Amino acid sequence: MELAELARTSDALRATSSRTAKAELLADLLGRLAPAEIVPAVGMLLAQPRQGAIGVGWATVSRLDDVPLDRPTAASAEHRGPRVDVLGFDRLLSQIAVTVGPGSEAARTELLNQFLSGCTDEEAAFVRRVLIGDARQGALAGVMTDAAARAAGVKLATLRRAVMLRGDLGEAAAIALIDGPEAVAAIDLEVGRPIQPMLASTAADVPEALAAVGSASVEWKLDGARVQVHIQRAGAGGEVAVYTRNLNDVTGRLPQVVEVARSLECDSAVLDGEVLGFFGDESPQAFQDTMSALGTESDSAASGLRPYFFDLMYLDGHSLIDRSLSERVEELHRLAPGYIVPQRFTDDEDEAAAHLDEALARGHEGVMVKAAASTYEAGRRGKSWRKVKPVHTLDLVVLAAEWGHGRRRGWLSNLHLGARDPDSGEFVMVGKTFKGLTDELLAWQTEQFQARAVRETDHTVYIRPELVVEIALDGAQSSTRYPGGVALRFARVRGYRPDRDPAGADTLDAVRALLPGG
């Protein structure tokens, strides 16, 4: 398929706000792609190339040569010889991704200029949007999943499940479009292939959570780093892989977790849990300390991180994700009795509140209240898991930042914060804050924001919505200042959450739930 067709579809997506219309446009396009084009085309339309980070961002794109005078127009394109196509752009991205080392920036710029010289203005604009990760046309993951299901004649719920279990939307869409509904329905959890973790909604207190989910497992909420542990052939020679919440492989950085996994009596398993560090008095370390230890190359720094499991999704050749939480936890207690998050099954408010009080007394965040009958909904922020914390916090996405003044001059300071619209999947601004930022964080975020910039004004740098920040706040209030009709009250930064994905950020509904009487 010619790249011009992707560019025209992208422009049409940008011109409509209707989710249904977007899905129909994408479904039509997906249905016309050749099998080899599906995965790269899905990535391009999401502005998330399958090659991942390729070393090209807004700064590089902004320095590309001006449009050549002899650039072909759409009208003259039929006379220009070989057309620019999807696979040609994909090859360019792969070539740029492996262009590294001294002189690589100049080499990447030359490759881009050569490619753009054969593009129409419409195609060149699309290429630039893909390079800087600008998906403002609204072709976000939820809409793309809907479109792929339509194009392939697959039930949306079936494809959503496949995406979560496969860990890749483009790959799941390709299976649906090429092999059909039966192949999609057959996709299941595999040991060694990480899946998106199940997420929780928020409840104001224990009674509210129990009223929503009924009989539940009430578990201490640890402020550690989420990990998913895959075990094949346990024992001294067993194969163990440890993945973060973002599905990054950190096996080599968590020797104690690997040791624990190999000690478990099973042939194969997939466990969900947290790793957490402790001080000498057994009080838990802050999340930032845990992530610092996890991020270092030193074995000794991360060796003190202990695993605490709360779910079991696979055991000895059988997927457990469609079984109830109570059944999964029963199997978990048999498998790893010494490494389980403190929990109790109850529907009694007083008993659950006592468990919360004990968690807080030990220095933990609060509790998770999970419906005993709930299945494991990979990648979903469902209503059957609720988190209860005494301090209001939200996981929001940074959309932009303003340059600071006074002693913060030269640093990007005031953050523009976005919550996820549950209908469109896009991020909607709900407030700003510059509070809670240390000099270290200011320096770090200035560098990170500039690397993710998509455009700039005199005072503000707008960035790709990739960074999740945990915000503490006193509540929310109705507001006409922001598109979501709601604004944060006394928001301050608790810390960035590199372990969390923007797709799992809190929604507008979570912000609105904090309104008085919400």
Protein backbone atom coordinates (compact mmCIF):
# COMPACT_ATOMS: atom_id res chain seq x y z
CA MET A 1 0.00 0.00 0.00
CA GLU A 2 1.21 3.48 -0.82
CA LEU A 3 2.13 5.67 2.14
CA ALA A 4 -0.20 8.33 0.73
CA GLU A 5 -3.19 6.20 1.77
CA LEU A 6 -1.99 6.11 5.39
CA ALA A 7 -1.38 9.85 5.25
CA ARG A 8 -4.87 10.55 3.89
CA THR A 9 -6.43 8.33 6.53
CA SER A 10 -4.43 10.08 9.23
CA ASP A 11 -5.62 13.47 7.99
CA ALA A 12 -9.23 12.25 7.92
CA LEU A 13 -8.86 10.97 11.50
CA ARG A 14 -7.61 14.37 12.60
CA ALA A 15 -10.62 16.02 10.97
CA THR A 16 -13.26 14.08 12.93
CA SER A 17 -13.96 13.78 16.65
CA SER A 18 -16.36 10.85 16.26
CA ARG A 19 -14.95 7.63 17.67
CA THR A 20 -17.25 5.61 15.42
CA ALA A 21 -16.11 7.50 12.32
CA LYS A 22 -12.46 7.02 13.29
CA ALA A 23 -12.96 3.28 13.73
CA GLU A 24 -14.70 3.00 10.35
CA LEU A 25 -11.89 4.85 8.59
CA LEU A 26 -9.28 2.62 10.17
CA ALA A 27 -11.25 -0.57 9.54
CA ASP A 28 -11.47 0.26 5.84
CA LEU A 29 -7.72 0.85 5.68
CA LEU A 30 -6.78 -2.25 7.68
CA GLY A 31 -8.94 -4.42 5.43
CA ARG A 32 -6.90 -3.34 2.39
CA LEU A 33 -3.42 -3.91 3.80
CA ALA A 34 -1.21 -6.77 2.65
CA PRO A 35 -0.32 -9.23 5.45
CA ALA A 36 3.25 -7.92 5.77
CA GLU A 37 2.00 -4.35 6.06
CA ILE A 38 -0.37 -4.80 9.01
CA VAL A 39 2.05 -4.64 11.93
CA PRO A 40 4.09 -1.66 10.61
CA ALA A 41 0.97 0.24 9.49
CA VAL A 42 -0.72 -0.15 12.88
CA GLY A 43 2.42 1.21 14.57
CA MET A 44 2.65 4.15 12.17
CA LEU A 45 -0.99 5.15 12.65
CA LEU A 46 -0.53 5.00 16.42
CA ALA A 47 2.69 7.05 16.01
CA GLN A 48 4.41 4.15 17.78
CA PRO A 49 6.63 2.47 15.17
CA ARG A 50 7.24 -1.23 15.70
CA GLN A 51 10.99 -0.46 15.91
CA GLY A 52 10.47 1.44 19.16
CA ALA A 53 12.77 4.36 19.99
CA ILE A 54 14.90 5.07 16.91
CA GLY A 55 16.84 8.11 18.08
CA VAL A 56 14.77 10.68 16.18
CA GLY A 57 12.61 13.26 17.91
CA TRP A 58 11.25 16.75 17.59
CA ALA A 59 14.70 18.38 17.72
CA THR A 60 15.95 16.31 14.77
CA VAL A 61 12.76 16.68 12.76
CA SER A 62 12.73 20.45 13.29
CA ARG A 63 16.21 20.65 11.76
CA LEU A 64 15.36 18.76 8.57
CA ASP A 65 15.91 20.62 5.32
CA ASP A 66 13.15 22.85 4.01
CA VAL A 67 10.76 21.34 1.47
CA PRO A 68 12.73 20.95 -1.82
CA LEU A 69 11.39 22.92 -4.76
CA ASP A 70 11.13 19.73 -6.83
CA ARG A 71 9.18 17.75 -4.22
CA PRO A 72 6.39 15.91 -6.03
CA THR A 73 2.84 17.11 -5.58
CA ALA A 74 -0.09 14.76 -5.19
CA ALA A 75 -1.21 15.65 -8.71
CA SER A 76 2.18 14.84 -10.25
CA ALA A 77 2.88 11.80 -8.07
CA GLU A 78 1.83 9.35 -10.79
CA HIS A 79 4.75 10.58 -12.92
CA ARG A 80 7.44 10.41 -10.28
CA GLY A 81 8.43 6.77 -10.70
CA PRO A 82 8.40 4.28 -7.77
CA ARG A 83 5.82 5.27 -5.18
CA VAL A 84 6.64 5.65 -1.49
CA ASP A 85 4.93 2.75 0.27
CA VAL A 86 4.32 1.43 3.78
CA LEU A 87 7.08 -1.18 3.65
CA GLY A 88 9.53 1.38 2.26
CA PHE A 89 8.87 3.68 5.24
CA ASP A 90 9.17 0.69 7.56
CA ARG A 91 12.57 -0.17 6.06
CA LEU A 92 13.68 3.43 6.58
CA LEU A 93 12.69 3.28 10.25
CA SER A 94 14.63 0.03 10.68
CA GLN A 95 17.68 1.53 8.99
CA ILE A 96 17.55 4.62 11.21
CA ALA A 97 17.14 2.46 14.32
CA VAL A 98 20.49 0.71 13.68
CA THR A 99 22.31 3.93 12.72
CA VAL A 100 24.19 4.61 15.95
CA GLY A 101 27.57 5.83 17.17
CA PRO A 102 29.70 8.85 16.15
CA GLY A 103 28.15 10.79 13.29
CA SER A 104 24.85 8.92 13.59
CA GLU A 105 22.72 12.05 13.98
CA ALA A 106 24.01 13.48 10.71
CA ALA A 107 23.57 10.10 9.02
CA ARG A 108 19.97 9.76 10.27
CA THR A 109 19.20 13.30 9.08
CA GLU A 110 20.58 12.50 5.63
CA LEU A 111 18.52 9.30 5.40
CA LEU A 112 15.40 11.24 6.34
CA ASN A 113 16.04 14.05 3.88
CA GLN A 114 16.58 11.54 1.09
CA PHE A 115 13.33 9.78 1.92
CA LEU A 116 11.33 13.00 2.31
CA SER A 117 12.57 14.28 -1.05
CA GLY A 118 10.45 11.58 -2.67
CA CYS A 119 7.34 12.32 -0.59
CA THR A 120 4.45 14.64 -1.29
CA ASP A 121 3.74 17.33 1.30
CA GLU A 122 0.90 15.16 2.63
CA GLU A 123 3.19 12.15 3.02
CA ALA A 124 6.03 14.21 4.50
CA ALA A 125 3.71 15.68 7.14
CA PHE A 126 2.61 12.15 8.10
CA VAL A 127 6.21 10.92 8.29
CA ARG A 128 7.12 13.77 10.61
CA ARG A 129 4.15 13.04 12.89
CA VAL A 130 5.17 9.40 13.15
CA LEU A 131 8.78 10.34 13.93
CA ILE A 132 7.87 12.65 16.81
CA GLY A 133 5.13 10.37 18.17
CA ASP A 134 2.32 12.82 17.46
CA ALA A 135 -0.87 10.72 17.44
CA ARG A 136 -3.24 13.66 17.75
CA GLN A 137 -5.32 12.25 14.90
CA GLY A 138 -6.96 10.13 17.58
CA ALA A 139 -5.82 6.73 16.28
CA LEU A 140 -5.25 5.55 19.80
CA ALA A 141 -5.07 1.95 20.93
CA GLY A 142 -8.75 1.64 21.88
CA VAL A 143 -9.98 2.98 18.54
CA MET A 144 -7.46 0.87 16.63
CA THR A 145 -8.56 -2.28 18.48
CA ASP A 146 -12.19 -1.51 17.64
CA ALA A 147 -11.23 -0.97 13.99
CA ALA A 148 -9.24 -4.20 13.73
CA ALA A 149 -12.14 -6.16 15.24
CA ARG A 150 -14.51 -4.67 12.66
CA ALA A 151 -12.17 -5.32 9.76
CA ALA A 152 -11.52 -8.93 10.80
CA GLY A 153 -15.06 -9.80 11.85
CA VAL A 154 -13.89 -10.61 15.39
CA LYS A 155 -15.77 -9.80 18.58
CA LEU A 156 -14.25 -6.74 20.21
CA ALA A 157 -13.95 -8.41 23.63
CA THR A 158 -12.13 -11.35 22.04
CA LEU A 159 -9.62 -9.11 20.30
CA ARG A 160 -9.08 -7.00 23.41
CA ARG A 161 -8.24 -10.13 25.33
CA ALA A 162 -5.85 -11.24 22.59
CA VAL A 163 -4.09 -7.87 22.63
CA MET A 164 -3.54 -8.08 26.37
CA LEU A 165 -2.30 -11.66 26.24
CA ARG A 166 -0.12 -11.10 23.20
CA GLY A 167 1.24 -7.81 24.51
CA ASP A 168 1.20 -6.22 21.05
CA LEU A 169 -1.75 -4.61 19.28
CA GLY A 170 -0.20 -4.83 15.81
CA GLU A 171 0.58 -8.51 16.19
CA ALA A 172 -2.89 -9.33 17.53
CA ALA A 173 -4.50 -7.32 14.71
CA ALA A 174 -2.41 -9.21 12.15
CA ILE A 175 -3.52 -12.57 13.56
CA ALA A 176 -7.15 -11.42 13.43
CA LEU A 177 -6.95 -10.09 9.88
CA ILE A 178 -4.89 -12.96 8.45
CA ASP A 179 -6.03 -16.02 10.40
CA GLY A 180 -9.49 -15.04 11.54
CA PRO A 181 -11.66 -15.29 14.68
CA GLU A 182 -10.71 -18.84 15.70
CA ALA A 183 -7.00 -18.01 15.78
CA VAL A 184 -7.69 -14.92 17.89
CA ALA A 185 -9.88 -16.84 20.34
CA ALA A 186 -7.13 -19.46 20.72
CA ILE A 187 -4.60 -16.93 22.02
CA ASP A 188 -3.91 -17.60 25.69
CA LEU A 189 -1.35 -16.84 28.35
CA GLU A 190 2.08 -18.29 27.54
CA VAL A 191 4.98 -18.73 29.94
CA GLY A 192 7.77 -16.43 28.81
CA ARG A 193 5.48 -13.90 27.10
CA PRO A 194 4.59 -11.14 29.60
CA ILE A 195 1.07 -9.73 29.67
CA GLN A 196 -0.26 -6.38 30.75
CA PRO A 197 -1.13 -6.49 34.47
CA MET A 198 -4.64 -6.16 35.79
CA LEU A 199 -5.26 -2.72 37.32
CA ALA A 200 -7.53 -1.35 40.03
CA SER A 201 -10.06 1.45 40.31
CA THR A 202 -10.23 3.75 43.33
CA ALA A 203 -12.55 3.66 46.34
CA ALA A 204 -12.80 6.34 48.99
CA ASP A 205 -12.81 3.88 51.88
CA VAL A 206 -13.20 0.22 52.81
CA PRO A 207 -17.03 0.27 53.14
CA GLU A 208 -17.36 1.77 49.66
CA ALA A 209 -15.01 -0.84 48.21
CA LEU A 210 -16.79 -3.77 49.87
CA ALA A 211 -20.17 -2.44 48.79
CA ALA A 212 -18.92 -2.43 45.22
CA VAL A 213 -17.24 -5.85 45.07
CA GLY A 214 -18.87 -7.94 47.82
CA SER A 215 -16.89 -10.76 49.38
CA ALA A 216 -13.27 -9.86 48.81
CA SER A 217 -9.61 -10.46 49.34
CA VAL A 218 -8.33 -7.49 51.35
CA GLU A 219 -4.58 -7.15 50.80
CA TRP A 220 -1.94 -4.74 51.99
CA LYS A 221 -1.13 -2.26 49.26
CA LEU A 222 2.65 -2.17 49.01
CA ASP A 223 4.30 0.82 47.34
CA GLY A 224 6.84 -1.32 45.53
CA ALA A 225 7.61 -2.11 41.91
CA ARG A 226 5.11 -4.39 40.15
CA VAL A 227 6.71 -7.54 38.75
CA GLN A 228 5.51 -10.52 36.78
CA VAL A 229 7.54 -13.70 37.26
CA HIS A 230 7.59 -16.45 34.64
CA ILE A 231 8.99 -19.85 35.62
CA GLN A 232 9.80 -22.79 33.39
CA ARG A 233 11.25 -25.92 34.96
CA ALA A 234 11.76 -24.67 38.51
CA GLY A 235 14.85 -25.76 40.39
CA ALA A 236 18.53 -24.88 40.26
CA GLY A 237 18.61 -25.03 36.46
CA GLY A 238 15.17 -23.57 35.90
CA GLU A 239 14.46 -20.75 33.51
CA VAL A 240 13.10 -17.64 35.23
CA ALA A 241 12.15 -14.30 33.66
CA VAL A 242 11.07 -11.22 35.62
CA TYR A 243 9.21 -8.40 33.91
CA THR A 244 8.16 -4.94 35.08
CA ARG A 245 4.70 -3.43 34.83
CA ASN A 246 5.79 -2.04 31.43
CA LEU A 247 6.90 -5.53 30.33
CA ASN A 248 10.61 -4.74 30.47
CA ASP A 249 12.86 -7.69 31.29
CA VAL A 250 14.70 -7.04 34.59
CA THR A 251 15.64 -10.63 35.39
CA GLY A 252 19.33 -9.84 35.73
CA ARG A 253 18.66 -7.08 38.26
CA LEU A 254 16.61 -9.15 40.71
CA PRO A 255 18.74 -12.11 41.80
CA GLN A 256 16.72 -12.65 45.00
CA VAL A 257 13.47 -12.92 43.04
CA VAL A 258 15.08 -15.44 40.68
CA GLU A 259 16.33 -17.44 43.66
CA VAL A 260 12.87 -17.49 45.24
CA ALA A 261 11.25 -18.48 41.93
CA ARG A 262 13.63 -21.41 41.50
CA SER A 263 12.80 -22.64 45.00
CA LEU A 264 9.09 -23.07 44.19
CA GLU A 265 7.88 -26.60 43.56
CA CYS A 266 6.34 -26.45 40.09
CA ASP A 267 7.14 -27.18 36.46
CA SER A 268 5.88 -23.82 35.21
CA ALA A 269 4.13 -20.77 36.65
CA VAL A 270 3.35 -17.10 36.12
CA LEU A 271 3.01 -14.97 39.28
CA ASP A 272 2.01 -11.36 39.82
CA GLY A 273 3.41 -9.33 42.70
CA GLU A 274 5.67 -6.56 43.94
CA VAL A 275 9.28 -6.20 44.91
CA LEU A 276 10.02 -3.95 47.85
CA GLY A 277 13.04 -2.87 49.86
CA PHE A 278 13.12 -2.43 53.64
CA PHE A 279 15.17 -0.45 56.11
CA GLY A 280 16.90 -2.09 59.07
CA ASP A 281 13.86 -1.60 61.29
CA GLU A 282 11.71 -3.44 58.72
CA SER A 283 9.92 -0.27 57.64
CA PRO A 284 9.33 -0.19 53.86
CA GLN A 285 11.47 1.97 51.62
CA ALA A 286 9.85 4.67 49.49
CA PHE A 287 8.95 3.76 45.92
CA GLN A 288 11.73 6.00 44.59
CA ASP A 289 14.31 4.03 46.61
CA THR A 290 12.98 0.74 45.26
CA MET A 291 13.06 2.01 41.67
CA SER A 292 16.54 3.42 42.17
CA ALA A 293 17.76 0.00 43.32
CA LEU A 294 15.95 -1.70 40.46
CA GLY A 295 17.40 0.73 37.93
CA THR A 296 21.03 0.28 38.93
CA GLU A 297 23.37 -2.16 37.22
CA SER A 298 24.74 -3.22 40.61
CA ASP A 299 23.54 -6.64 41.80
CA SER A 300 24.06 -5.63 45.43
CA ALA A 301 21.69 -2.65 45.19
CA ALA A 302 18.74 -4.75 44.02
CA SER A 303 19.59 -7.90 45.95
CA GLY A 304 17.71 -6.57 48.99
CA LEU A 305 14.42 -6.26 47.11
CA ARG A 306 12.04 -8.95 48.33
CA PRO A 307 9.20 -10.44 46.30
CA TYR A 308 5.62 -10.45 47.56
CA PHE A 309 3.08 -12.23 45.38
CA PHE A 310 -0.67 -11.68 45.30
CA ASP A 311 -1.82 -13.57 42.20
CA LEU A 312 -1.10 -16.70 40.19
CA MET A 313 -2.10 -16.67 36.51
CA TYR A 314 -0.55 -19.93 35.27
CA LEU A 315 0.51 -23.20 36.87
CA ASP A 316 1.96 -26.40 35.45
CA GLY A 317 0.65 -26.14 31.92
CA HIS A 318 -2.70 -24.50 32.72
CA SER A 319 -3.81 -20.88 32.44
CA LEU A 320 -5.71 -19.72 35.53
CA ILE A 321 -6.80 -16.27 34.37
CA ASP A 322 -10.42 -17.33 33.84
CA ARG A 323 -10.68 -18.89 37.29
CA SER A 324 -11.84 -16.91 40.32
CA LEU A 325 -9.42 -14.97 42.49
CA SER A 326 -10.24 -17.21 45.46
CA GLU A 327 -9.20 -20.27 43.44
CA ARG A 328 -6.04 -18.62 42.15
CA VAL A 329 -5.03 -17.47 45.63
CA GLU A 330 -5.65 -20.96 47.03
CA GLU A 331 -3.18 -22.32 44.47
CA LEU A 332 -0.79 -19.47 45.24
CA HIS A 333 -0.73 -20.37 48.94
CA ARG A 334 0.17 -23.93 48.05
CA LEU A 335 2.95 -22.78 45.69
CA ALA A 336 4.58 -19.87 47.54
CA PRO A 337 3.36 -19.81 51.16
CA GLY A 338 6.25 -17.72 52.47
CA TYR A 339 6.10 -14.99 49.85
CA ILE A 340 2.51 -13.72 49.80
CA VAL A 341 1.21 -10.22 50.48
CA PRO A 342 -0.71 -10.22 53.80
CA GLN A 343 -4.36 -10.75 52.91
CA ARG A 344 -7.65 -11.98 54.27
CA PHE A 345 -10.93 -12.92 52.60
CA THR A 346 -13.89 -11.17 54.19
CA ASP A 347 -17.08 -9.22 53.58
CA ASP A 348 -17.01 -7.68 57.06
CA GLU A 349 -16.27 -3.95 57.14
CA ASP A 350 -14.71 -4.00 60.62
CA GLU A 351 -12.39 -6.87 59.76
CA ALA A 352 -11.34 -5.19 56.52
CA ALA A 353 -10.80 -1.85 58.29
CA ALA A 354 -8.61 -3.55 60.87
CA HIS A 355 -6.50 -5.01 58.06
CA LEU A 356 -6.16 -1.49 56.60
CA ASP A 357 -5.11 -0.08 59.98
CA GLU A 358 -2.44 -2.76 60.31
CA ALA A 359 -1.10 -2.01 56.83
CA LEU A 360 -0.86 1.71 57.60
CA ALA A 361 0.79 1.02 60.96
CA ARG A 362 3.48 -0.99 59.14
CA GLY A 363 4.17 1.96 56.81
CA HIS A 364 2.30 0.75 53.72
CA GLU A 365 -0.04 2.74 51.46
CA GLY A 366 -3.40 1.17 52.21
CA VAL A 367 -5.21 -1.93 50.99
CA MET A 368 -6.48 -3.51 47.80
CA VAL A 369 -10.03 -4.84 47.94
CA LYS A 370 -10.54 -7.48 45.24
CA ALA A 371 -13.73 -9.36 44.46
CA ALA A 372 -13.26 -13.00 45.45
CA ALA A 373 -15.05 -14.12 42.28
CA SER A 374 -13.05 -11.89 39.90
CA THR A 375 -11.16 -13.33 36.95
CA TYR A 376 -7.78 -11.88 35.89
CA GLU A 377 -8.54 -9.17 33.33
CA ALA A 378 -5.12 -8.52 31.86
CA GLY A 379 -4.48 -4.86 31.11
CA ARG A 380 -7.89 -3.70 32.30
CA ARG A 381 -8.65 -1.18 35.05
CA GLY A 382 -11.83 -2.94 36.06
CA LYS A 383 -14.32 -2.39 38.86
CA SER A 384 -13.67 -5.70 40.62
CA TRP A 385 -10.37 -4.50 42.11
CA ARG A 386 -10.42 -1.36 44.26
CA LYS A 387 -7.52 0.47 45.91
CA VAL A 388 -8.12 2.26 49.21
CA LYS A 389 -5.55 4.83 50.36
CA PRO A 390 -5.97 7.54 53.01
CA VAL A 391 -4.27 10.14 50.79
CA HIS A 392 -5.84 10.91 47.41
CA THR A 393 -3.41 10.12 44.61
CA LEU A 394 -3.83 9.86 40.86
CA ASP A 395 -1.61 8.52 38.10
CA LEU A 396 -1.69 11.26 35.46
CA VAL A 397 0.22 11.88 32.24
CA VAL A 398 2.37 14.93 31.56
CA LEU A 399 1.13 16.72 28.41
CA ALA A 400 3.37 19.79 28.52
CA ALA A 401 5.48 21.94 30.82
CA GLU A 402 6.21 25.64 31.13
CA TRP A 403 9.65 27.16 31.55
CA GLY A 404 10.33 28.25 35.11
CA HIS A 405 11.11 31.68 36.50
CA GLY A 406 13.46 32.97 39.18
CA ARG A 407 15.60 30.19 40.63
CA ARG A 408 13.83 27.74 38.30
CA ARG A 409 14.85 29.65 35.19
CA GLY A 410 16.28 27.25 32.62
CA TRP A 411 14.20 24.33 33.91
CA LEU A 412 10.85 23.08 32.68
CA SER A 413 8.71 23.42 35.77
CA ASN A 414 4.92 23.89 35.67
CA LEU A 415 3.39 20.59 34.55
CA HIS A 416 0.25 20.28 32.41
CA LEU A 417 -1.49 17.13 33.68
CA GLY A 418 -3.84 14.91 31.73
CA ALA A 419 -6.32 12.17 32.65
CA ARG A 420 -7.45 9.53 30.18
CA ASP A 421 -10.86 9.91 28.56
CA PRO A 422 -12.36 6.39 28.94
CA ASP A 423 -14.43 6.82 25.75
CA SER A 424 -11.81 8.09 23.30
CA GLY A 425 -8.62 6.97 25.03
CA GLU A 426 -7.17 10.45 24.55
CA PHE A 427 -5.71 12.54 27.37
CA VAL A 428 -7.64 15.53 28.66
CA MET A 429 -5.99 18.26 30.69
CA VAL A 430 -7.24 18.48 34.28
CA GLY A 431 -4.76 20.81 35.94
CA LYS A 432 -1.26 22.15 36.43
CA THR A 433 1.28 21.95 39.22
CA PHE A 434 4.84 22.96 39.98
CA LYS A 435 4.73 21.80 43.62
CA GLY A 436 6.73 18.92 45.03
CA LEU A 437 9.55 19.16 42.49
CA THR A 438 13.10 18.90 43.81
CA ASP A 439 16.06 20.34 41.92
CA GLU A 440 16.97 16.78 40.94
CA LEU A 441 13.51 16.16 39.49
CA LEU A 442 13.52 19.52 37.70
CA ALA A 443 16.79 18.71 35.98
CA TRP A 444 15.65 15.19 35.08
CA GLN A 445 12.27 16.20 33.69
CA THR A 446 13.73 19.09 31.67
CA GLU A 447 15.96 16.61 29.85
CA GLN A 448 13.18 14.05 29.45
CA PHE A 449 10.62 16.56 28.21
CA GLN A 450 12.93 18.02 25.59
CA ALA A 451 13.65 14.51 24.29
CA ARG A 452 9.87 13.96 23.90
CA ALA A 453 8.90 17.39 22.54
CA VAL A 454 6.43 17.58 19.67
CA ARG A 455 6.19 21.38 19.51
CA GLU A 456 7.17 24.49 21.44
CA THR A 457 5.95 28.01 22.08
CA ASP A 458 7.86 30.79 23.80
CA HIS A 459 6.84 29.53 27.24
CA THR A 460 5.68 25.93 26.86
CA VAL A 461 7.05 22.63 25.58
CA TYR A 462 4.38 20.12 24.48
CA ILE A 463 5.46 16.50 24.71
CA ARG A 464 4.39 13.00 23.75
CA PRO A 465 2.08 11.65 26.48
CA GLU A 466 4.52 9.00 27.71
CA LEU A 467 5.47 9.97 31.27
CA VAL A 468 3.22 8.98 34.17
CA VAL A 469 3.49 11.04 37.35
CA GLU A 470 1.87 10.26 40.68
CA ILE A 471 0.01 13.30 41.97
CA ALA A 472 -1.24 13.83 45.52
CA LEU A 473 -4.23 16.15 45.80
CA ASP A 474 -6.87 17.36 48.20
CA GLY A 475 -9.74 16.65 45.85
CA ALA A 476 -11.31 18.01 42.69
CA GLN A 477 -13.61 20.85 41.74
CA SER A 478 -15.83 21.68 38.80
CA SER A 479 -14.11 23.96 36.33
CA THR A 480 -14.73 25.47 32.90
CA ARG A 481 -11.01 26.12 32.50
CA TYR A 482 -10.19 22.61 31.33
CA PRO A 483 -11.97 20.49 28.68
CA GLY A 484 -12.95 17.74 31.14
CA GLY A 485 -15.00 20.18 33.22
CA VAL A 486 -13.00 19.32 36.33
CA ALA A 487 -9.79 20.57 37.95
CA LEU A 488 -7.41 19.27 40.62
CA ARG A 489 -7.25 20.94 44.05
CA PHE A 490 -3.81 21.57 45.58
CA ALA A 491 -2.03 19.08 43.35
CA ARG A 492 1.60 18.21 44.11
CA VAL A 493 4.08 15.75 42.65
CA ARG A 494 4.83 12.59 44.63
CA GLY A 495 7.12 11.17 41.99
CA TYR A 496 7.35 9.85 38.46
CA ARG A 497 6.23 6.27 37.84
CA PRO A 498 8.44 4.72 35.16
CA ASP A 499 6.86 1.39 36.02
CA ARG A 500 3.47 2.54 34.77
CA ASP A 501 2.12 2.85 31.25
CA PRO A 502 0.09 5.87 30.07
CA ALA A 503 -2.64 3.55 28.81
CA GLY A 504 -3.26 2.57 32.44
CA ALA A 505 -3.34 6.13 33.77
CA ASP A 506 -6.33 7.27 35.80
CA THR A 507 -9.39 8.36 33.87
CA LEU A 508 -11.55 11.46 33.94
CA ASP A 509 -14.08 9.37 35.84
CA ALA A 510 -11.51 8.86 38.63
CA VAL A 511 -10.98 12.61 38.85
CA ARG A 512 -14.72 13.32 38.80
CA ALA A 513 -15.21 10.80 41.60
CA LEU A 514 -13.27 13.21 43.85
CA LEU A 515 -15.79 16.03 43.31
CA PRO A 516 -17.81 16.95 46.41
CA GLY A 517 -20.68 14.50 46.54
CA GLY A 518 -19.06 12.44 43.75
